[in-house]
Amino acid sequence: MAAMIDPTMVTTAFELPGHRVVRNLGLVRGIVVRSRSIFGNIGAAIQTLFGGNISLYTELCEKARADAYRLMVRHAAEMGANAVLGVRYDANEVASAVTEVLAYGTAAVVEAKPG
């Protein structure tokens, strides 16, 4: 099993301050496809009647993003990376009430700059 990557070494930036890229290992991604159960959809529909944040959908989206992120980082670690640069998220509806969440970035091996 690959070692986990320190969360401070995962960034939306294309470089890490105080570090230099030793090796670019290429694209990594984590993809999750989720839907809410019929009971969750009913609960969310009730929440829409009152307006404001629809917490059931917020929780679903947050869990999907977290799962996609975790898969992306695991993919990078399996490739031998100790960092992921340029991280981005994308989401698409692939069917009615079914959403795909993609986390992607560049797996890299970085080392601290001297001095």
PDB file of N, CA and C in Angstrom:
ATOM      1  N   MET A   1       0.846  -1.187   0.000  1.00  0.00           N
ATOM      2  CA  MET A   1       0.000   0.000   0.000  1.00  0.00           C
ATOM      3  C   MET A   1       0.885   1.242   0.000  1.00  0.00           C
ATOM      4  N   ALA A   2       0.533   2.222  -0.829  1.00  0.00           N
ATOM      5  CA  ALA A   2       1.319   3.451  -0.946  1.00  0.00           C
ATOM      6  C   ALA A   2       1.136   4.322   0.300  1.00  0.00           C
ATOM      7  N   ALA A   3       2.178   5.078   0.632  1.00  0.00           N
ATOM      8  CA  ALA A   3       2.093   6.023   1.745  1.00  0.00           C
ATOM      9  C   ALA A   3       1.133   7.137   1.372  1.00  0.00           C
ATOM     10  N   MET A   4       0.468   7.675   2.372  1.00  0.00           N
ATOM     11  CA  MET A   4      -0.440   8.799   2.119  1.00  0.00           C
ATOM     12  C   MET A   4       0.363  10.080   1.900  1.00  0.00           C
ATOM     13  N   ILE A   5      -0.234  10.998   1.187  1.00  0.00           N
ATOM     14  CA  ILE A   5       0.395  12.294   0.916  1.00  0.00           C
ATOM     15  C   ILE A   5      -0.076  13.285   1.967  1.00  0.00           C
ATOM     16  N   ASP A   6       0.859  14.024   2.538  1.00  0.00           N
ATOM     17  CA  ASP A   6       0.551  15.066   3.517  1.00  0.00           C
ATOM     18  C   ASP A   6      -0.396  16.079   2.872  1.00  0.00           C
ATOM     19  N   PRO A   7      -1.534  16.384   3.503  1.00  0.00           N
ATOM     20  CA  PRO A   7      -2.484  17.334   2.909  1.00  0.00           C
ATOM     21  C   PRO A   7      -1.882  18.707   2.587  1.00  0.00           C
ATOM     22  N   THR A   8      -0.814  19.104   3.274  1.00  0.00           N
ATOM     23  CA  THR A   8      -0.179  20.389   2.968  1.00  0.00           C
ATOM     24  C   THR A   8       0.589  20.340   1.652  1.00  0.00           C
ATOM     25  N   MET A   9       0.724  19.150   1.092  1.00  0.00           N
ATOM     26  CA  MET A   9       1.438  18.980  -0.173  1.00  0.00           C
ATOM     27  C   MET A   9       0.463  18.819  -1.350  1.00  0.00           C
ATOM     28  N   VAL A  10      -0.806  19.135  -1.119  1.00  0.00           N
ATOM     29  CA  VAL A  10      -1.835  19.105  -2.156  1.00  0.00           C
ATOM     30  C   VAL A  10      -2.342  20.536  -2.288  1.00  0.00           C
ATOM     31  N   THR A  11      -2.246  21.085  -3.509  1.00  0.00           N
ATOM     32  CA  THR A  11      -2.550  22.504  -3.682  1.00  0.00           C
ATOM     33  C   THR A  11      -3.183  22.799  -5.032  1.00  0.00           C
ATOM     34  N   THR A  12      -3.941  23.878  -5.075  1.00  0.00           N
ATOM     35  CA  THR A  12      -4.478  24.351  -6.353  1.00  0.00           C
ATOM     36  C   THR A  12      -3.435  25.141  -7.130  1.00  0.00           C
ATOM     37  N   ALA A  13      -2.358  25.526  -6.456  1.00  0.00           N
ATOM     38  CA  ALA A  13      -1.269  26.260  -7.112  1.00  0.00           C
ATOM     39  C   ALA A  13      -0.439  25.293  -7.962  1.00  0.00           C
ATOM     40  N   PHE A  14       0.396  25.840  -8.813  1.00  0.00           N
ATOM     41  CA  PHE A  14       1.230  25.007  -9.676  1.00  0.00           C
ATOM     42  C   PHE A  14       2.639  24.826  -9.137  1.00  0.00           C
ATOM     43  N   GLU A  15       2.871  25.345  -7.946  1.00  0.00           N
ATOM     44  CA  GLU A  15       4.143  25.119  -7.258  1.00  0.00           C
ATOM     45  C   GLU A  15       3.904  25.216  -5.767  1.00  0.00           C
ATOM     46  N   LEU A  16       4.819  24.646  -4.997  1.00  0.00           N
ATOM     47  CA  LEU A  16       4.748  24.712  -3.543  1.00  0.00           C
ATOM     48  C   LEU A  16       5.874  25.604  -3.046  1.00  0.00           C
ATOM     49  N   PRO A  17       5.559  26.655  -2.310  1.00  0.00           N
ATOM     50  CA  PRO A  17       6.616  27.531  -1.787  1.00  0.00           C
ATOM     51  C   PRO A  17       7.636  26.730  -0.979  1.00  0.00           C
ATOM     52  N   GLY A  18       8.894  27.004  -1.239  1.00  0.00           N
ATOM     53  CA  GLY A  18       9.972  26.327  -0.520  1.00  0.00           C
ATOM     54  C   GLY A  18      10.306  24.949  -1.058  1.00  0.00           C
ATOM     55  N   HIS A  19       9.677  24.541  -2.143  1.00  0.00           N
ATOM     56  CA  HIS A  19       9.921  23.223  -2.736  1.00  0.00           C
ATOM     57  C   HIS A  19      10.173  23.367  -4.231  1.00  0.00           C
ATOM     58  N   ARG A  20      10.831  22.371  -4.783  1.00  0.00           N
ATOM     59  CA  ARG A  20      10.999  22.319  -6.232  1.00  0.00           C
ATOM     60  C   ARG A  20      10.541  20.965  -6.730  1.00  0.00           C
ATOM     61  N   VAL A  21       9.992  20.956  -7.934  1.00  0.00           N
ATOM     62  CA  VAL A  21       9.521  19.706  -8.538  1.00  0.00           C
ATOM     63  C   VAL A  21      10.729  18.943  -9.055  1.00  0.00           C
ATOM     64  N   VAL A  22      10.894  17.727  -8.562  1.00  0.00           N
ATOM     65  CA  VAL A  22      11.979  16.851  -9.004  1.00  0.00           C
ATOM     66  C   VAL A  22      11.518  16.003 -10.182  1.00  0.00           C
ATOM     67  N   ARG A  23      10.257  15.571 -10.112  1.00  0.00           N
ATOM     68  CA  ARG A  23       9.717  14.721 -11.171  1.00  0.00           C
ATOM     69  C   ARG A  23       8.209  14.940 -11.299  1.00  0.00           C
ATOM     70  N   ASN A  24       7.746  15.131 -12.526  1.00  0.00           N
ATOM     71  CA  ASN A  24       6.323  15.250 -12.836  1.00  0.00           C
ATOM     72  C   ASN A  24       5.852  13.855 -13.227  1.00  0.00           C
ATOM     73  N   LEU A  25       4.886  13.317 -12.480  1.00  0.00           N
ATOM     74  CA  LEU A  25       4.416  11.955 -12.731  1.00  0.00           C
ATOM     75  C   LEU A  25       3.151  11.907 -13.574  1.00  0.00           C
ATOM     76  N   GLY A  26       2.585  13.072 -13.881  1.00  0.00           N
ATOM     77  CA  GLY A  26       1.424  13.114 -14.762  1.00  0.00           C
ATOM     78  C   GLY A  26       0.099  13.306 -14.045  1.00  0.00           C
ATOM     79  N   LEU A  27      -0.946  13.246 -14.826  1.00  0.00           N
ATOM     80  CA  LEU A  27      -2.306  13.498 -14.371  1.00  0.00           C
ATOM     81  C   LEU A  27      -2.784  12.409 -13.424  1.00  0.00           C
ATOM     82  N   VAL A  28      -3.441  12.837 -12.356  1.00  0.00           N
ATOM     83  CA  VAL A  28      -4.140  11.911 -11.466  1.00  0.00           C
ATOM     84  C   VAL A  28      -5.564  12.415 -11.302  1.00  0.00           C
ATOM     85  N   ARG A  29      -6.463  11.482 -11.042  1.00  0.00           N
ATOM     86  CA  ARG A  29      -7.847  11.895 -10.877  1.00  0.00           C
ATOM     87  C   ARG A  29      -8.555  10.948  -9.920  1.00  0.00           C
ATOM     88  N   GLY A  30      -9.618  11.468  -9.366  1.00  0.00           N
ATOM     89  CA  GLY A  30     -10.535  10.679  -8.557  1.00  0.00           C
ATOM     90  C   GLY A  30     -11.926  11.021  -9.037  1.00  0.00           C
ATOM     91  N   ILE A  31     -12.725  10.022  -9.318  1.00  0.00           N
ATOM     92  CA  ILE A  31     -14.069  10.267  -9.836  1.00  0.00           C
ATOM     93  C   ILE A  31     -15.091   9.524  -8.986  1.00  0.00           C
ATOM     94  N   VAL A  32     -16.178  10.209  -8.696  1.00  0.00           N
ATOM     95  CA  VAL A  32     -17.276   9.643  -7.910  1.00  0.00           C
ATOM     96  C   VAL A  32     -18.576   9.998  -8.619  1.00  0.00           C
ATOM     97  N   VAL A  33     -19.479   9.041  -8.698  1.00  0.00           N
ATOM     98  CA  VAL A  33     -20.807   9.294  -9.262  1.00  0.00           C
ATOM     99  C   VAL A  33     -21.812   8.984  -8.160  1.00  0.00           C
ATOM    100  N   ARG A  34     -22.628   9.961  -7.846  1.00  0.00           N
ATOM    101  CA  ARG A  34     -23.549   9.840  -6.713  1.00  0.00           C
ATOM    102  C   ARG A  34     -24.969  10.228  -7.090  1.00  0.00           C
ATOM    103  N   SER A  35     -25.894   9.640  -6.349  1.00  0.00           N
ATOM    104  CA  SER A  35     -27.292  10.065  -6.412  1.00  0.00           C
ATOM    105  C   SER A  35     -27.835  10.039  -4.990  1.00  0.00           C
ATOM    106  N   ARG A  36     -28.864  10.756  -4.769  1.00  0.00           N
ATOM    107  CA  ARG A  36     -29.526  10.790  -3.469  1.00  0.00           C
ATOM    108  C   ARG A  36     -30.638   9.745  -3.499  1.00  0.00           C
ATOM    109  N   SER A  37     -30.878   9.075  -2.390  1.00  0.00           N
ATOM    110  CA  SER A  37     -31.967   8.099  -2.320  1.00  0.00           C
ATOM    111  C   SER A  37     -33.315   8.805  -2.487  1.00  0.00           C
ATOM    112  N   ILE A  38     -34.334   8.051  -2.720  1.00  0.00           N
ATOM    113  CA  ILE A  38     -35.673   8.622  -2.866  1.00  0.00           C
ATOM    114  C   ILE A  38     -36.076   9.362  -1.591  1.00  0.00           C
ATOM    115  N   PHE A  39     -35.673   8.841  -0.444  1.00  0.00           N
ATOM    116  CA  PHE A  39     -36.005   9.501   0.825  1.00  0.00           C
ATOM    117  C   PHE A  39     -35.239  10.814   0.964  1.00  0.00           C
ATOM    118  N   GLY A  40     -33.970  10.819   0.517  1.00  0.00           N
ATOM    119  CA  GLY A  40     -33.191  12.054   0.535  1.00  0.00           C
ATOM    120  C   GLY A  40     -33.774  13.097  -0.390  1.00  0.00           C
ATOM    121  N   ASN A  41     -34.255  12.657  -1.560  1.00  0.00           N
ATOM    122  CA  ASN A  41     -34.874  13.593  -2.510  1.00  0.00           C
ATOM    123  C   ASN A  41     -36.163  14.185  -1.947  1.00  0.00           C
ATOM    124  N   ILE A  42     -36.921  13.373  -1.249  1.00  0.00           N
ATOM    125  CA  ILE A  42     -38.157  13.876  -0.636  1.00  0.00           C
ATOM    126  C   ILE A  42     -37.815  14.897   0.448  1.00  0.00           C
ATOM    127  N   GLY A  43     -36.820  14.567   1.284  1.00  0.00           N
ATOM    128  CA  GLY A  43     -36.390  15.503   2.338  1.00  0.00           C
ATOM    129  C   GLY A  43     -35.886  16.809   1.746  1.00  0.00           C
ATOM    130  N   ALA A  44     -35.112  16.727   0.666  1.00  0.00           N
ATOM    131  CA  ALA A  44     -34.593  17.935   0.018  1.00  0.00           C
ATOM    132  C   ALA A  44     -35.729  18.738  -0.607  1.00  0.00           C
ATOM    133  N   ALA A  45     -36.709  18.053  -1.187  1.00  0.00           N
ATOM    134  CA  ALA A  45     -37.857  18.748  -1.778  1.00  0.00           C
ATOM    135  C   ALA A  45     -38.609  19.529  -0.704  1.00  0.00           C
ATOM    136  N   ILE A  46     -38.732  18.948   0.479  1.00  0.00           N
ATOM    137  CA  ILE A  46     -39.391  19.654   1.589  1.00  0.00           C
ATOM    138  C   ILE A  46     -38.573  20.880   1.984  1.00  0.00           C
ATOM    139  N   GLN A  47     -37.232  20.726   2.030  1.00  0.00           N
ATOM    140  CA  GLN A  47     -36.378  21.871   2.368  1.00  0.00           C
ATOM    141  C   GLN A  47     -36.524  22.997   1.354  1.00  0.00           C
ATOM    142  N   THR A  48     -36.723  22.672   0.082  1.00  0.00           N
ATOM    143  CA  THR A  48     -36.857  23.731  -0.938  1.00  0.00           C
ATOM    144  C   THR A  48     -38.102  24.574  -0.717  1.00  0.00           C
ATOM    145  N   LEU A  49     -39.106  24.005  -0.086  1.00  0.00           N
ATOM    146  CA  LEU A  49     -40.335  24.762   0.188  1.00  0.00           C
ATOM    147  C   LEU A  49     -40.082  25.940   1.117  1.00  0.00           C
ATOM    148  N   PHE A  50     -39.062  25.809   1.976  1.00  0.00           N
ATOM    149  CA  PHE A  50     -38.768  26.848   2.959  1.00  0.00           C
ATOM    150  C   PHE A  50     -37.629  27.759   2.513  1.00  0.00           C
ATOM    151  N   GLY A  51     -36.984  27.438   1.408  1.00  0.00           N
ATOM    152  CA  GLY A  51     -35.892  28.264   0.880  1.00  0.00           C
ATOM    153  C   GLY A  51     -34.615  28.092   1.674  1.00  0.00           C
ATOM    154  N   GLY A  52     -33.579  28.785   1.252  1.00  0.00           N
ATOM    155  CA  GLY A  52     -32.287  28.729   1.938  1.00  0.00           C
ATOM    156  C   GLY A  52     -31.454  27.537   1.516  1.00  0.00           C
ATOM    157  N   ASN A  53     -30.474  27.220   2.335  1.00  0.00           N
ATOM    158  CA  ASN A  53     -29.554  26.127   2.062  1.00  0.00           C
ATOM    159  C   ASN A  53     -30.293  24.792   2.122  1.00  0.00           C
ATOM    160  N   ILE A  54     -30.090  23.968   1.123  1.00  0.00           N
ATOM    161  CA  ILE A  54     -30.687  22.634   1.105  1.00  0.00           C
ATOM    162  C   ILE A  54     -29.614  21.683   1.627  1.00  0.00           C
ATOM    163  N   SER A  55     -29.608  21.522   2.933  1.00  0.00           N
ATOM    164  CA  SER A  55     -28.507  20.829   3.612  1.00  0.00           C
ATOM    165  C   SER A  55     -28.327  19.388   3.154  1.00  0.00           C
ATOM    166  N   LEU A  56     -29.391  18.707   2.779  1.00  0.00           N
ATOM    167  CA  LEU A  56     -29.248  17.324   2.319  1.00  0.00           C
ATOM    168  C   LEU A  56     -28.413  17.258   1.039  1.00  0.00           C
ATOM    169  N   TYR A  57     -28.631  18.198   0.135  1.00  0.00           N
ATOM    170  CA  TYR A  57     -27.830  18.228  -1.091  1.00  0.00           C
ATOM    171  C   TYR A  57     -26.420  18.746  -0.819  1.00  0.00           C
ATOM    172  N   THR A  58     -26.299  19.696   0.098  1.00  0.00           N
ATOM    173  CA  THR A  58     -24.972  20.203   0.465  1.00  0.00           C
ATOM    174  C   THR A  58     -24.114  19.067   1.009  1.00  0.00           C
ATOM    175  N   GLU A  59     -24.682  18.265   1.895  1.00  0.00           N
ATOM    176  CA  GLU A  59     -23.953  17.122   2.469  1.00  0.00           C
ATOM    177  C   GLU A  59     -23.571  16.118   1.388  1.00  0.00           C
ATOM    178  N   LEU A  60     -24.485  15.854   0.460  1.00  0.00           N
ATOM    179  CA  LEU A  60     -24.204  14.930  -0.638  1.00  0.00           C
ATOM    180  C   LEU A  60     -23.038  15.439  -1.487  1.00  0.00           C
ATOM    181  N   CYS A  61     -23.058  16.725  -1.829  1.00  0.00           N
ATOM    182  CA  CYS A  61     -21.994  17.313  -2.648  1.00  0.00           C
ATOM    183  C   CYS A  61     -20.660  17.300  -1.909  1.00  0.00           C
ATOM    184  N   GLU A  62     -20.688  17.641  -0.638  1.00  0.00           N
ATOM    185  CA  GLU A  62     -19.437  17.660   0.139  1.00  0.00           C
ATOM    186  C   GLU A  62     -18.843  16.260   0.252  1.00  0.00           C
ATOM    187  N   LYS A  63     -19.674  15.261   0.482  1.00  0.00           N
ATOM    188  CA  LYS A  63     -19.178  13.892   0.567  1.00  0.00           C
ATOM    189  C   LYS A  63     -18.606  13.439  -0.777  1.00  0.00           C
ATOM    190  N   ALA A  64     -19.276  13.779  -1.865  1.00  0.00           N
ATOM    191  CA  ALA A  64     -18.777  13.398  -3.189  1.00  0.00           C
ATOM    192  C   ALA A  64     -17.433  14.061  -3.475  1.00  0.00           C
ATOM    193  N   ARG A  65     -17.293  15.348  -3.133  1.00  0.00           N
ATOM    194  CA  ARG A  65     -16.015  16.038  -3.341  1.00  0.00           C
ATOM    195  C   ARG A  65     -14.907  15.422  -2.482  1.00  0.00           C
ATOM    196  N   ALA A  66     -15.219  15.133  -1.230  1.00  0.00           N
ATOM    197  CA  ALA A  66     -14.225  14.535  -0.334  1.00  0.00           C
ATOM    198  C   ALA A  66     -13.794  13.161  -0.838  1.00  0.00           C
ATOM    199  N   ASP A  67     -14.737  12.364  -1.313  1.00  0.00           N
ATOM    200  CA  ASP A  67     -14.401  11.039  -1.840  1.00  0.00           C
ATOM    201  C   ASP A  67     -13.554  11.141  -3.103  1.00  0.00           C
ATOM    202  N   ALA A  68     -13.900  12.069  -4.000  1.00  0.00           N
ATOM    203  CA  ALA A  68     -13.129  12.257  -5.230  1.00  0.00           C
ATOM    204  C   ALA A  68     -11.706  12.714  -4.894  1.00  0.00           C
ATOM    205  N   TYR A  69     -11.574  13.643  -3.941  1.00  0.00           N
ATOM    206  CA  TYR A  69     -10.261  14.125  -3.499  1.00  0.00           C
ATOM    207  C   TYR A  69      -9.432  12.966  -2.953  1.00  0.00           C
ATOM    208  N   ARG A  70     -10.036  12.161  -2.074  1.00  0.00           N
ATOM    209  CA  ARG A  70      -9.328  11.033  -1.459  1.00  0.00           C
ATOM    210  C   ARG A  70      -8.842  10.045  -2.522  1.00  0.00           C
ATOM    211  N   LEU A  71      -9.687   9.757  -3.518  1.00  0.00           N
ATOM    212  CA  LEU A  71      -9.282   8.849  -4.603  1.00  0.00           C
ATOM    213  C   LEU A  71      -8.130   9.429  -5.421  1.00  0.00           C
ATOM    214  N   MET A  72      -8.189  10.743  -5.699  1.00  0.00           N
ATOM    215  CA  MET A  72      -7.122  11.400  -6.460  1.00  0.00           C
ATOM    216  C   MET A  72      -5.792  11.308  -5.710  1.00  0.00           C
ATOM    217  N   VAL A  73      -5.813  11.606  -4.416  1.00  0.00           N
ATOM    218  CA  VAL A  73      -4.585  11.576  -3.611  1.00  0.00           C
ATOM    219  C   VAL A  73      -4.046  10.145  -3.520  1.00  0.00           C
ATOM    220  N   ARG A  74      -4.940   9.183  -3.372  1.00  0.00           N
ATOM    221  CA  ARG A  74      -4.498   7.776  -3.324  1.00  0.00           C
ATOM    222  C   ARG A  74      -3.850   7.374  -4.651  1.00  0.00           C
ATOM    223  N   HIS A  75      -4.445   7.790  -5.762  1.00  0.00           N
ATOM    224  CA  HIS A  75      -3.882   7.511  -7.080  1.00  0.00           C
ATOM    225  C   HIS A  75      -2.466   8.090  -7.184  1.00  0.00           C
ATOM    226  N   ALA A  76      -2.290   9.330  -6.730  1.00  0.00           N
ATOM    227  CA  ALA A  76      -0.973   9.977  -6.772  1.00  0.00           C
ATOM    228  C   ALA A  76       0.037   9.224  -5.908  1.00  0.00           C
ATOM    229  N   ALA A  77      -0.374   8.838  -4.708  1.00  0.00           N
ATOM    230  CA  ALA A  77       0.528   8.106  -3.806  1.00  0.00           C
ATOM    231  C   ALA A  77       0.941   6.766  -4.420  1.00  0.00           C
ATOM    232  N   GLU A  78       0.001   6.087  -5.072  1.00  0.00           N
ATOM    233  CA  GLU A  78       0.310   4.815  -5.730  1.00  0.00           C
ATOM    234  C   GLU A  78       1.322   4.985  -6.851  1.00  0.00           C
ATOM    235  N   MET A  79       1.364   6.163  -7.459  1.00  0.00           N
ATOM    236  CA  MET A  79       2.332   6.450  -8.524  1.00  0.00           C
ATOM    237  C   MET A  79       3.697   6.845  -7.958  1.00  0.00           C
ATOM    238  N   GLY A  80       3.782   7.035  -6.636  1.00  0.00           N
ATOM    239  CA  GLY A  80       5.046   7.420  -6.010  1.00  0.00           C
ATOM    240  C   GLY A  80       5.176   8.911  -5.753  1.00  0.00           C
ATOM    241  N   ALA A  81       4.088   9.654  -5.909  1.00  0.00           N
ATOM    242  CA  ALA A  81       4.127  11.107  -5.683  1.00  0.00           C
ATOM    243  C   ALA A  81       4.123  11.430  -4.195  1.00  0.00           C
ATOM    244  N   ASN A  82       4.670  12.592  -3.864  1.00  0.00           N
ATOM    245  CA  ASN A  82       4.541  13.115  -2.499  1.00  0.00           C
ATOM    246  C   ASN A  82       3.817  14.463  -2.517  1.00  0.00           C
ATOM    247  N   ALA A  83       3.302  14.853  -3.697  1.00  0.00           N
ATOM    248  CA  ALA A  83       2.558  16.106  -3.828  1.00  0.00           C
ATOM    249  C   ALA A  83       1.608  16.008  -5.021  1.00  0.00           C
ATOM    250  N   VAL A  84       0.548  16.824  -4.964  1.00  0.00           N
ATOM    251  CA  VAL A  84      -0.361  16.968  -6.103  1.00  0.00           C
ATOM    252  C   VAL A  84      -0.537  18.460  -6.324  1.00  0.00           C
ATOM    253  N   LEU A  85      -0.224  18.901  -7.526  1.00  0.00           N
ATOM    254  CA  LEU A  85      -0.265  20.325  -7.876  1.00  0.00           C
ATOM    255  C   LEU A  85      -1.406  20.608  -8.843  1.00  0.00           C
ATOM    256  N   GLY A  86      -1.867  21.860  -8.845  1.00  0.00           N
ATOM    257  CA  GLY A  86      -2.885  22.290  -9.803  1.00  0.00           C
ATOM    258  C   GLY A  86      -4.214  21.571  -9.640  1.00  0.00           C
ATOM    259  N   VAL A  87      -4.599  21.275  -8.413  1.00  0.00           N
ATOM    260  CA  VAL A  87      -5.823  20.519  -8.163  1.00  0.00           C
ATOM    261  C   VAL A  87      -7.058  21.325  -8.573  1.00  0.00           C
ATOM    262  N   ARG A  88      -7.968  20.645  -9.225  1.00  0.00           N
ATOM    263  CA  ARG A  88      -9.229  21.238  -9.660  1.00  0.00           C
ATOM    264  C   ARG A  88     -10.351  20.242  -9.435  1.00  0.00           C
ATOM    265  N   TYR A  89     -11.579  20.764  -9.385  1.00  0.00           N
ATOM    266  CA  TYR A  89     -12.778  19.937  -9.298  1.00  0.00           C
ATOM    267  C   TYR A  89     -13.650  20.242 -10.494  1.00  0.00           C
ATOM    268  N   ASP A  90     -14.422  19.248 -10.902  1.00  0.00           N
ATOM    269  CA  ASP A  90     -15.413  19.428 -11.949  1.00  0.00           C
ATOM    270  C   ASP A  90     -16.617  18.582 -11.559  1.00  0.00           C
ATOM    271  N   ALA A  91     -17.790  19.013 -11.921  1.00  0.00           N
ATOM    272  CA  ALA A  91     -19.006  18.249 -11.631  1.00  0.00           C
ATOM    273  C   ALA A  91     -19.941  18.338 -12.827  1.00  0.00           C
ATOM    274  N   ASN A  92     -20.572  17.232 -13.129  1.00  0.00           N
ATOM    275  CA  ASN A  92     -21.519  17.164 -14.235  1.00  0.00           C
ATOM    276  C   ASN A  92     -22.689  16.284 -13.847  1.00  0.00           C
ATOM    277  N   GLU A  93     -23.850  16.632 -14.343  1.00  0.00           N
ATOM    278  CA  GLU A  93     -25.009  15.756 -14.163  1.00  0.00           C
ATOM    279  C   GLU A  93     -24.969  14.744 -15.300  1.00  0.00           C
ATOM    280  N   VAL A  94     -24.862  13.454 -14.974  1.00  0.00           N
ATOM    281  CA  VAL A  94     -24.767  12.424 -16.015  1.00  0.00           C
ATOM    282  C   VAL A  94     -26.118  11.802 -16.327  1.00  0.00           C
ATOM    283  N   ALA A  95     -27.068  11.955 -15.421  1.00  0.00           N
ATOM    284  CA  ALA A  95     -28.453  11.515 -15.615  1.00  0.00           C
ATOM    285  C   ALA A  95     -29.288  12.303 -14.620  1.00  0.00           C
ATOM    286  N   SER A  96     -30.571  12.188 -14.733  1.00  0.00           N
ATOM    287  CA  SER A  96     -31.444  12.903 -13.810  1.00  0.00           C
ATOM    288  C   SER A  96     -31.125  12.490 -12.373  1.00  0.00           C
ATOM    289  N   ALA A  97     -30.750  13.456 -11.549  1.00  0.00           N
ATOM    290  CA  ALA A  97     -30.437  13.248 -10.125  1.00  0.00           C
ATOM    291  C   ALA A  97     -29.183  12.398  -9.907  1.00  0.00           C
ATOM    292  N   VAL A  98     -28.312  12.292 -10.922  1.00  0.00           N
ATOM    293  CA  VAL A  98     -27.049  11.560 -10.793  1.00  0.00           C
ATOM    294  C   VAL A  98     -25.927  12.507 -11.188  1.00  0.00           C
ATOM    295  N   THR A  99     -24.999  12.734 -10.259  1.00  0.00           N
ATOM    296  CA  THR A  99     -23.934  13.697 -10.484  1.00  0.00           C
ATOM    297  C   THR A  99     -22.565  13.029 -10.399  1.00  0.00           C
ATOM    298  N   GLU A 100     -21.713  13.417 -11.334  1.00  0.00           N
ATOM    299  CA  GLU A 100     -20.322  12.976 -11.348  1.00  0.00           C
ATOM    300  C   GLU A 100     -19.484  14.111 -10.760  1.00  0.00           C
ATOM    301  N   VAL A 101     -18.586  13.767  -9.845  1.00  0.00           N
ATOM    302  CA  VAL A 101     -17.635  14.738  -9.311  1.00  0.00           C
ATOM    303  C   VAL A 101     -16.238  14.208  -9.604  1.00  0.00           C
ATOM    304  N   LEU A 102     -15.416  15.061 -10.194  1.00  0.00           N
ATOM    305  CA  LEU A 102     -14.065  14.707 -10.585  1.00  0.00           C
ATOM    306  C   LEU A 102     -13.090  15.650  -9.895  1.00  0.00           C
ATOM    307  N   ALA A 103     -12.104  15.083  -9.224  1.00  0.00           N
ATOM    308  CA  ALA A 103     -10.982  15.858  -8.686  1.00  0.00           C
ATOM    309  C   ALA A 103      -9.766  15.443  -9.505  1.00  0.00           C
ATOM    310  N   TYR A 104      -8.981  16.430  -9.967  1.00  0.00           N
ATOM    311  CA  TYR A 104      -7.817  16.084 -10.774  1.00  0.00           C
ATOM    312  C   TYR A 104      -6.679  17.065 -10.527  1.00  0.00           C
ATOM    313  N   GLY A 105      -5.484  16.611 -10.798  1.00  0.00           N
ATOM    314  CA  GLY A 105      -4.296  17.438 -10.625  1.00  0.00           C
ATOM    315  C   GLY A 105      -3.094  16.732 -11.202  1.00  0.00           C
ATOM    316  N   THR A 106      -1.920  17.278 -10.928  1.00  0.00           N
ATOM    317  CA  THR A 106      -0.667  16.710 -11.419  1.00  0.00           C
ATOM    318  C   THR A 106       0.099  16.094 -10.265  1.00  0.00           C
ATOM    319  N   ALA A 107       0.359  14.797 -10.361  1.00  0.00           N
ATOM    320  CA  ALA A 107       1.151  14.100  -9.355  1.00  0.00           C
ATOM    321  C   ALA A 107       2.611  14.487  -9.561  1.00  0.00           C
ATOM    322  N   ALA A 108       3.297  14.769  -8.469  1.00  0.00           N
ATOM    323  CA  ALA A 108       4.696  15.180  -8.572  1.00  0.00           C
ATOM    324  C   ALA A 108       5.495  14.685  -7.377  1.00  0.00           C
ATOM    325  N   VAL A 109       6.784  14.586  -7.612  1.00  0.00           N
ATOM    326  CA  VAL A 109       7.726  14.361  -6.521  1.00  0.00           C
ATOM    327  C   VAL A 109       8.417  15.701  -6.312  1.00  0.00           C
ATOM    328  N   VAL A 110       8.314  16.224  -5.093  1.00  0.00           N
ATOM    329  CA  VAL A 110       8.944  17.504  -4.782  1.00  0.00           C
ATOM    330  C   VAL A 110       9.922  17.304  -3.642  1.00  0.00           C
ATOM    331  N   GLU A 111      10.867  18.238  -3.550  1.00  0.00           N
ATOM    332  CA  GLU A 111      11.802  18.233  -2.423  1.00  0.00           C
ATOM    333  C   GLU A 111      11.996  19.668  -1.962  1.00  0.00           C
ATOM    334  N   ALA A 112      12.322  19.797  -0.691  1.00  0.00           N
ATOM    335  CA  ALA A 112      12.534  21.130  -0.121  1.00  0.00           C
ATOM    336  C   ALA A 112      13.730  21.779  -0.779  1.00  0.00           C
ATOM    337  N   LYS A 113      13.607  23.093  -1.058  1.00  0.00           N
ATOM    338  CA  LYS A 113      14.741  23.855  -1.596  1.00  0.00           C
ATOM    339  C   LYS A 113      15.746  24.061  -0.469  1.00  0.00           C
ATOM    340  N   PRO A 114      17.016  23.982  -0.788  1.00  0.00           N
ATOM    341  CA  PRO A 114      18.020  24.213   0.259  1.00  0.00           C
ATOM    342  C   PRO A 114      17.989  25.665   0.759  1.00  0.00           C
ATOM    343  N   GLY A 115      18.276  25.815   2.038  1.00  0.00           N
ATOM    344  CA  GLY A 115      18.456  27.114   2.682  1.00  0.00           C
ATOM    345  C   GLY A 115      17.294  27.954   2.686  1.00  0.00           C
TER     346      GLY A 115
END
